[in-house]
């Protein structure tokens, strides 16, 4: 059967499991007080901040504006919240549905996620991470959640901008993005940097581990922004501990993903048997003073790893 590259059908066996797992996840969401919000599959291009080449675009014959198939849920939920006339924060929403991006191998993806809007406290970060942890526990394989903070690297780069030229800063960011330790060593040696900068750069790219890594990082914090990031992460850990979530958590202070969008905590979840992040999330701002935190889980890819969950058996009626 010929279908466009990167798209697929859901047949009975897959759909049945998808439905059962979705209901289980829905139970988790609603237990925490989240309510469903499913935006349209098609929206104005201006809603999203996504690379042009990743979008499926077409012209709206009524408005003359460019429409796109939804590449991401979060901007649509942000838009909805901004146009609400009466808001009683915090707002808690969950969603299920397809996102569409014009990638080579996978262009349609069934996802789920949550957005907690209007709470700027670390308790909100801990709540969303706890929900993700509960969902990941449905998997039959082990998992890990890597947690970082955008302000830590922002603070580091602010200090380095005092002693490095813009081109060197861009190169260093690329090294962090690729986590190239060998290239980092060569970079540090090529620059005549003070030992405090050298030591901090070398530490940060290897700053990956449990709670102890946050304690060690304190002596490498070069400014208040870096100190605040560590304080935030410690507080989030305490919230998770209160929810009795202490395992499968790793702190990664070298994570640079999403610095242009996220402002605060960022995280990615990984399954042992799957090579890509199964979920991504973090803190962002809906408006200047309205903080939010959320995640998106690749439910379609998560499905094969979920333990068998028995759907409720319904009475079968005799066919005519």
Foldseek 3Di string as FASTA:
>chain_A
DDDDAQDDDQDDVRVVLLVLLVVVLVVLQVVVPAEEDEDDQKDFPVLDDDDPQFWDWDADPVPRGIMTGAQDDVSVVLVVVVPDPDDDPFHKYKYWDWHATPDRHHGIFTKIKMKTKFDPALLQVLVQVVSVVVSLVLFPFDKAKEKEWLLQVVQLLVVVVVPDPPVLSVVLLVCLQVLPLVVLVVSLVVGPDDVLNVVLSNLQSVLKFALVSLVVCVVSRPDPSNVVLSVSVVVSQVSNVVVVHRPRYMYHHSDNPPSVFAHTMWMFMDGPPDDDTQKIWHKGASDPNMIMIMMMGRSSVRSVRGDDDDDDDDDDDDDD
